[in-house]
Amino acid sequence: MLNIAIILIIIALVAVFSVQNADPVKFIFLFWKFEASLAIVIFLSALTGLIAGVIITFLLRFKPKKPPETKQ
């Protein structure tokens, strides 16, 4: 329950920050150039971090365990 409350607080803070910083910005990545609202850039960055965190946690939690070595 505490985890859900913390996640909701973080989402609310990102949303408020994004809305208050809605100015258009130039976004350059490798060969691509975009102009988008800073709110969209912030939201997509937070979403990318969330997805990466979930994937890494999933991979670490369900990593196959090696069987114990037997002495001969």
PDB file of N, CA and C in Angstrom:
ATOM      1  N   MET A   1       0.821  -1.190   0.000  1.00  0.00           N
ATOM      2  CA  MET A   1       0.000   0.000   0.000  1.00  0.00           C
ATOM      3  C   MET A   1       0.873   1.265   0.000  1.00  0.00           C
ATOM      4  N   LEU A   2       1.961   1.213   0.753  1.00  0.00           N
ATOM      5  CA  LEU A   2       2.866   2.362   0.804  1.00  0.00           C
ATOM      6  C   LEU A   2       3.504   2.612  -0.555  1.00  0.00           C
ATOM      7  N   ASN A   3       3.849   1.536  -1.271  1.00  0.00           N
ATOM      8  CA  ASN A   3       4.446   1.691  -2.605  1.00  0.00           C
ATOM      9  C   ASN A   3       3.500   2.407  -3.561  1.00  0.00           C
ATOM     10  N   ILE A   4       2.227   2.063  -3.506  1.00  0.00           N
ATOM     11  CA  ILE A   4       1.244   2.691  -4.388  1.00  0.00           C
ATOM     12  C   ILE A   4       1.119   4.173  -4.059  1.00  0.00           C
ATOM     13  N   ALA A   5       1.118   4.514  -2.779  1.00  0.00           N
ATOM     14  CA  ALA A   5       1.025   5.917  -2.374  1.00  0.00           C
ATOM     15  C   ALA A   5       2.237   6.704  -2.859  1.00  0.00           C
ATOM     16  N   ILE A   6       3.418   6.132  -2.740  1.00  0.00           N
ATOM     17  CA  ILE A   6       4.633   6.811  -3.201  1.00  0.00           C
ATOM     18  C   ILE A   6       4.605   7.005  -4.708  1.00  0.00           C
ATOM     19  N   ILE A   7       4.180   5.995  -5.437  1.00  0.00           N
ATOM     20  CA  ILE A   7       4.095   6.100  -6.905  1.00  0.00           C
ATOM     21  C   ILE A   7       3.095   7.177  -7.304  1.00  0.00           C
ATOM     22  N   LEU A   8       1.950   7.238  -6.635  1.00  0.00           N
ATOM     23  CA  LEU A   8       0.948   8.252  -6.957  1.00  0.00           C
ATOM     24  C   LEU A   8       1.466   9.662  -6.652  1.00  0.00           C
ATOM     25  N   ILE A   9       2.213   9.824  -5.575  1.00  0.00           N
ATOM     26  CA  ILE A   9       2.788  11.130  -5.249  1.00  0.00           C
ATOM     27  C   ILE A   9       3.800  11.545  -6.312  1.00  0.00           C
ATOM     28  N   ILE A  10       4.643  10.612  -6.747  1.00  0.00           N
ATOM     29  CA  ILE A  10       5.635  10.913  -7.789  1.00  0.00           C
ATOM     30  C   ILE A  10       4.947  11.285  -9.096  1.00  0.00           C
ATOM     31  N   ILE A  11       3.903  10.554  -9.457  1.00  0.00           N
ATOM     32  CA  ILE A  11       3.151  10.854 -10.684  1.00  0.00           C
ATOM     33  C   ILE A  11       2.534  12.242 -10.601  1.00  0.00           C
ATOM     34  N   ALA A  12       1.981  12.581  -9.448  1.00  0.00           N
ATOM     35  CA  ALA A  12       1.369  13.901  -9.275  1.00  0.00           C
ATOM     36  C   ALA A  12       2.423  15.002  -9.383  1.00  0.00           C
ATOM     37  N   LEU A  13       3.586  14.797  -8.775  1.00  0.00           N
ATOM     38  CA  LEU A  13       4.652  15.800  -8.849  1.00  0.00           C
ATOM     39  C   LEU A  13       5.153  15.992 -10.278  1.00  0.00           C
ATOM     40  N   VAL A  14       5.311  14.903 -11.014  1.00  0.00           N
ATOM     41  CA  VAL A  14       5.750  14.995 -12.414  1.00  0.00           C
ATOM     42  C   VAL A  14       4.693  15.712 -13.243  1.00  0.00           C
ATOM     43  N   ALA A  15       3.426  15.416 -12.986  1.00  0.00           N
ATOM     44  CA  ALA A  15       2.347  16.070 -13.735  1.00  0.00           C
ATOM     45  C   ALA A  15       2.316  17.569 -13.460  1.00  0.00           C
ATOM     46  N   VAL A  16       2.420  17.966 -12.202  1.00  0.00           N
ATOM     47  CA  VAL A  16       2.417  19.399 -11.857  1.00  0.00           C
ATOM     48  C   VAL A  16       3.631  20.095 -12.466  1.00  0.00           C
ATOM     49  N   PHE A  17       4.797  19.484 -12.353  1.00  0.00           N
ATOM     50  CA  PHE A  17       6.014  20.057 -12.919  1.00  0.00           C
ATOM     51  C   PHE A  17       5.886  20.202 -14.433  1.00  0.00           C
ATOM     52  N   SER A  18       5.319  19.202 -15.079  1.00  0.00           N
ATOM     53  CA  SER A  18       5.170  19.229 -16.535  1.00  0.00           C
ATOM     54  C   SER A  18       4.229  20.343 -16.980  1.00  0.00           C
ATOM     55  N   VAL A  19       3.114  20.487 -16.291  1.00  0.00           N
ATOM     56  CA  VAL A  19       2.138  21.507 -16.670  1.00  0.00           C
ATOM     57  C   VAL A  19       2.713  22.910 -16.466  1.00  0.00           C
ATOM     58  N   GLN A  20       3.491  23.104 -15.427  1.00  0.00           N
ATOM     59  CA  GLN A  20       4.067  24.419 -15.163  1.00  0.00           C
ATOM     60  C   GLN A  20       5.210  24.749 -16.121  1.00  0.00           C
ATOM     61  N   ASN A  21       5.763  23.770 -16.805  1.00  0.00           N
ATOM     62  CA  ASN A  21       6.869  23.979 -17.740  1.00  0.00           C
ATOM     63  C   ASN A  21       6.465  23.514 -19.131  1.00  0.00           C
ATOM     64  N   ALA A  22       5.438  24.127 -19.676  1.00  0.00           N
ATOM     65  CA  ALA A  22       4.875  23.683 -20.947  1.00  0.00           C
ATOM     66  C   ALA A  22       5.435  24.444 -22.147  1.00  0.00           C
ATOM     67  N   ASP A  23       6.519  25.167 -21.989  1.00  0.00           N
ATOM     68  CA  ASP A  23       7.101  25.917 -23.102  1.00  0.00           C
ATOM     69  C   ASP A  23       7.666  24.972 -24.155  1.00  0.00           C
ATOM     70  N   PRO A  24       7.617  25.365 -25.425  1.00  0.00           N
ATOM     71  CA  PRO A  24       8.217  24.516 -26.466  1.00  0.00           C
ATOM     72  C   PRO A  24       9.743  24.540 -26.381  1.00  0.00           C
ATOM     73  N   VAL A  25      10.347  23.384 -26.588  1.00  0.00           N
ATOM     74  CA  VAL A  25      11.799  23.269 -26.557  1.00  0.00           C
ATOM     75  C   VAL A  25      12.273  22.488 -27.785  1.00  0.00           C
ATOM     76  N   LYS A  26      13.528  22.739 -28.181  1.00  0.00           N
ATOM     77  CA  LYS A  26      14.132  21.997 -29.283  1.00  0.00           C
ATOM     78  C   LYS A  26      14.835  20.788 -28.677  1.00  0.00           C
ATOM     79  N   PHE A  27      14.565  19.644 -29.226  1.00  0.00           N
ATOM     80  CA  PHE A  27      15.091  18.385 -28.713  1.00  0.00           C
ATOM     81  C   PHE A  27      15.905  17.737 -29.822  1.00  0.00           C
ATOM     82  N   ILE A  28      17.211  17.545 -29.593  1.00  0.00           N
ATOM     83  CA  ILE A  28      18.093  16.958 -30.600  1.00  0.00           C
ATOM     84  C   ILE A  28      18.658  15.660 -30.047  1.00  0.00           C
ATOM     85  N   PHE A  29      18.500  14.576 -30.813  1.00  0.00           N
ATOM     86  CA  PHE A  29      19.022  13.273 -30.422  1.00  0.00           C
ATOM     87  C   PHE A  29      19.599  12.597 -31.658  1.00  0.00           C
ATOM     88  N   LEU A  30      20.911  12.409 -31.667  1.00  0.00           N
ATOM     89  CA  LEU A  30      21.638  11.844 -32.798  1.00  0.00           C
ATOM     90  C   LEU A  30      21.305  12.603 -34.068  1.00  0.00           C
ATOM     91  N   PHE A  31      20.544  11.995 -34.990  1.00  0.00           N
ATOM     92  CA  PHE A  31      20.246  12.634 -36.263  1.00  0.00           C
ATOM     93  C   PHE A  31      18.857  13.266 -36.293  1.00  0.00           C
ATOM     94  N   TRP A  32      18.093  13.122 -35.231  1.00  0.00           N
ATOM     95  CA  TRP A  32      16.724  13.625 -35.192  1.00  0.00           C
ATOM     96  C   TRP A  32      16.663  14.958 -34.479  1.00  0.00           C
ATOM     97  N   LYS A  33      15.809  15.835 -34.985  1.00  0.00           N
ATOM     98  CA  LYS A  33      15.554  17.118 -34.342  1.00  0.00           C
ATOM     99  C   LYS A  33      14.047  17.265 -34.178  1.00  0.00           C
ATOM    100  N   PHE A  34      13.637  17.560 -32.951  1.00  0.00           N
ATOM    101  CA  PHE A  34      12.224  17.720 -32.655  1.00  0.00           C
ATOM    102  C   PHE A  34      12.014  19.043 -31.942  1.00  0.00           C
ATOM    103  N   GLU A  35      10.838  19.580 -32.076  1.00  0.00           N
ATOM    104  CA  GLU A  35      10.417  20.688 -31.237  1.00  0.00           C
ATOM    105  C   GLU A  35       9.110  20.261 -30.605  1.00  0.00           C
ATOM    106  N   ALA A  36       9.109  20.191 -29.297  1.00  0.00           N
ATOM    107  CA  ALA A  36       7.938  19.706 -28.576  1.00  0.00           C
ATOM    108  C   ALA A  36       7.800  20.455 -27.259  1.00  0.00           C
ATOM    109  N   SER A  37       6.668  20.289 -26.663  1.00  0.00           N
ATOM    110  CA  SER A  37       6.429  20.887 -25.361  1.00  0.00           C
ATOM    111  C   SER A  37       7.332  20.233 -24.320  1.00  0.00           C
ATOM    112  N   LEU A  38       7.868  21.041 -23.424  1.00  0.00           N
ATOM    113  CA  LEU A  38       8.718  20.500 -22.357  1.00  0.00           C
ATOM    114  C   LEU A  38       7.950  19.503 -21.507  1.00  0.00           C
ATOM    115  N   ALA A  39       6.641  19.705 -21.373  1.00  0.00           N
ATOM    116  CA  ALA A  39       5.810  18.773 -20.606  1.00  0.00           C
ATOM    117  C   ALA A  39       5.843  17.377 -21.225  1.00  0.00           C
ATOM    118  N   ILE A  40       5.800  17.311 -22.538  1.00  0.00           N
ATOM    119  CA  ILE A  40       5.834  16.010 -23.217  1.00  0.00           C
ATOM    120  C   ILE A  40       7.198  15.352 -23.040  1.00  0.00           C
ATOM    121  N   VAL A  41       8.259  16.145 -23.154  1.00  0.00           N
ATOM    122  CA  VAL A  41       9.614  15.607 -22.988  1.00  0.00           C
ATOM    123  C   VAL A  41       9.800  15.071 -21.567  1.00  0.00           C
ATOM    124  N   ILE A  42       9.336  15.821 -20.571  1.00  0.00           N
ATOM    125  CA  ILE A  42       9.443  15.378 -19.180  1.00  0.00           C
ATOM    126  C   ILE A  42       8.638  14.100 -18.961  1.00  0.00           C
ATOM    127  N   PHE A  43       7.414  14.074 -19.471  1.00  0.00           N
ATOM    128  CA  PHE A  43       6.559  12.895 -19.304  1.00  0.00           C
ATOM    129  C   PHE A  43       7.177  11.667 -19.959  1.00  0.00           C
ATOM    130  N   LEU A  44       7.679  11.810 -21.173  1.00  0.00           N
ATOM    131  CA  LEU A  44       8.279  10.670 -21.865  1.00  0.00           C
ATOM    132  C   LEU A  44       9.558  10.201 -21.175  1.00  0.00           C
ATOM    133  N   SER A  45      10.332  11.125 -20.620  1.00  0.00           N
ATOM    134  CA  SER A  45      11.534  10.745 -19.876  1.00  0.00           C
ATOM    135  C   SER A  45      11.174   9.960 -18.614  1.00  0.00           C
ATOM    136  N   ALA A  46      10.167  10.440 -17.893  1.00  0.00           N
ATOM    137  CA  ALA A  46       9.724   9.732 -16.685  1.00  0.00           C
ATOM    138  C   ALA A  46       9.165   8.356 -17.040  1.00  0.00           C
ATOM    139  N   LEU A  47       8.402   8.274 -18.120  1.00  0.00           N
ATOM    140  CA  LEU A  47       7.833   6.997 -18.548  1.00  0.00           C
ATOM    141  C   LEU A  47       8.918   6.016 -18.972  1.00  0.00           C
ATOM    142  N   THR A  48       9.931   6.508 -19.684  1.00  0.00           N
ATOM    143  CA  THR A  48      11.042   5.656 -20.094  1.00  0.00           C
ATOM    144  C   THR A  48      11.801   5.120 -18.884  1.00  0.00           C
ATOM    145  N   GLY A  49      12.037   5.973 -17.901  1.00  0.00           N
ATOM    146  CA  GLY A  49      12.701   5.541 -16.675  1.00  0.00           C
ATOM    147  C   GLY A  49      11.888   4.512 -15.908  1.00  0.00           C
ATOM    148  N   LEU A  50      10.579   4.711 -15.863  1.00  0.00           N
ATOM    149  CA  LEU A  50       9.698   3.756 -15.181  1.00  0.00           C
ATOM    150  C   LEU A  50       9.735   2.396 -15.866  1.00  0.00           C
ATOM    151  N   ILE A  51       9.637   2.393 -17.179  1.00  0.00           N
ATOM    152  CA  ILE A  51       9.658   1.129 -17.930  1.00  0.00           C
ATOM    153  C   ILE A  51      11.001   0.436 -17.769  1.00  0.00           C
ATOM    154  N   ALA A  52      12.105   1.188 -17.846  1.00  0.00           N
ATOM    155  CA  ALA A  52      13.431   0.590 -17.665  1.00  0.00           C
ATOM    156  C   ALA A  52      13.571  -0.004 -16.267  1.00  0.00           C
ATOM    157  N   GLY A  53      13.072   0.695 -15.258  1.00  0.00           N
ATOM    158  CA  GLY A  53      13.136   0.186 -13.890  1.00  0.00           C
ATOM    159  C   GLY A  53      12.348  -1.091 -13.703  1.00  0.00           C
ATOM    160  N   VAL A  54      11.166  -1.151 -14.295  1.00  0.00           N
ATOM    161  CA  VAL A  54      10.340  -2.358 -14.193  1.00  0.00           C
ATOM    162  C   VAL A  54      11.021  -3.530 -14.887  1.00  0.00           C
ATOM    163  N   ILE A  55      11.579  -3.304 -16.057  1.00  0.00           N
ATOM    164  CA  ILE A  55      12.251  -4.381 -16.796  1.00  0.00           C
ATOM    165  C   ILE A  55      13.470  -4.884 -16.033  1.00  0.00           C
ATOM    166  N   ILE A  56      14.277  -3.973 -15.514  1.00  0.00           N
ATOM    167  CA  ILE A  56      15.476  -4.384 -14.769  1.00  0.00           C
ATOM    168  C   ILE A  56      15.091  -5.140 -13.506  1.00  0.00           C
ATOM    169  N   THR A  57      14.077  -4.644 -12.790  1.00  0.00           N
ATOM    170  CA  THR A  57      13.617  -5.341 -11.585  1.00  0.00           C
ATOM    171  C   THR A  57      13.106  -6.732 -11.920  1.00  0.00           C
ATOM    172  N   PHE A  58      12.349  -6.851 -13.005  1.00  0.00           N
ATOM    173  CA  PHE A  58      11.826  -8.150 -13.422  1.00  0.00           C
ATOM    174  C   PHE A  58      12.965  -9.109 -13.757  1.00  0.00           C
ATOM    175  N   LEU A  59      13.964  -8.623 -14.485  1.00  0.00           N
ATOM    176  CA  LEU A  59      15.072  -9.489 -14.873  1.00  0.00           C
ATOM    177  C   LEU A  59      15.899  -9.926 -13.665  1.00  0.00           C
ATOM    178  N   LEU A  60      16.108  -9.029 -12.711  1.00  0.00           N
ATOM    179  CA  LEU A  60      16.889  -9.386 -11.521  1.00  0.00           C
ATOM    180  C   LEU A  60      16.125 -10.310 -10.592  1.00  0.00           C
ATOM    181  N   ARG A  61      14.828 -10.122 -10.490  1.00  0.00           N
ATOM    182  CA  ARG A  61      14.028 -10.929  -9.574  1.00  0.00           C
ATOM    183  C   ARG A  61      13.860 -12.361 -10.078  1.00  0.00           C
ATOM    184  N   PHE A  62      13.713 -12.514 -11.374  1.00  0.00           N
ATOM    185  CA  PHE A  62      13.449 -13.837 -11.938  1.00  0.00           C
ATOM    186  C   PHE A  62      14.654 -14.410 -12.668  1.00  0.00           C
ATOM    187  N   LYS A  63      15.855 -14.052 -12.224  1.00  0.00           N
ATOM    188  CA  LYS A  63      17.080 -14.575 -12.818  1.00  0.00           C
ATOM    189  C   LYS A  63      17.172 -16.063 -12.466  1.00  0.00           C
ATOM    190  N   PRO A  64      17.480 -16.923 -13.433  1.00  0.00           N
ATOM    191  CA  PRO A  64      17.576 -18.354 -13.117  1.00  0.00           C
ATOM    192  C   PRO A  64      18.691 -18.613 -12.102  1.00  0.00           C
ATOM    193  N   LYS A  65      18.377 -19.431 -11.146  1.00  0.00           N
ATOM    194  CA  LYS A  65      19.362 -19.742 -10.103  1.00  0.00           C
ATOM    195  C   LYS A  65      20.154 -20.978 -10.500  1.00  0.00           C
ATOM    196  N   LYS A  66      21.448 -20.940 -10.191  1.00  0.00           N
ATOM    197  CA  LYS A  66      22.307 -22.079 -10.501  1.00  0.00           C
ATOM    198  C   LYS A  66      22.079 -23.159  -9.449  1.00  0.00           C
ATOM    199  N   PRO A  67      22.061 -24.414  -9.876  1.00  0.00           N
ATOM    200  CA  PRO A  67      21.913 -25.491  -8.887  1.00  0.00           C
ATOM    201  C   PRO A  67      23.191 -25.578  -8.037  1.00  0.00           C
ATOM    202  N   PRO A  68      23.055 -25.962  -6.777  1.00  0.00           N
ATOM    203  CA  PRO A  68      24.245 -26.070  -5.930  1.00  0.00           C
ATOM    204  C   PRO A  68      25.195 -27.146  -6.448  1.00  0.00           C
ATOM    205  N   GLU A  69      26.472 -26.849  -6.343  1.00  0.00           N
ATOM    206  CA  GLU A  69      27.469 -27.810  -6.799  1.00  0.00           C
ATOM    207  C   GLU A  69      27.590 -28.925  -5.776  1.00  0.00           C
ATOM    208  N   THR A  70      27.765 -30.150  -6.279  1.00  0.00           N
ATOM    209  CA  THR A  70      27.929 -31.291  -5.380  1.00  0.00           C
ATOM    210  C   THR A  70      29.405 -31.643  -5.267  1.00  0.00           C
ATOM    211  N   LYS A  71      29.810 -32.014  -4.062  1.00  0.00           N
ATOM    212  CA  LYS A  71      31.213 -32.415  -3.848  1.00  0.00           C
ATOM    213  C   LYS A  71      31.368 -33.895  -4.147  1.00  0.00           C
ATOM    214  N   GLN A  72      32.423 -34.216  -4.848  1.00  0.00           N
ATOM    215  CA  GLN A  72      32.629 -35.622  -5.177  1.00  0.00           C
ATOM    216  C   GLN A  72      33.919 -36.134  -4.588  1.00  0.00           C
TER     217      GLN A  72
END
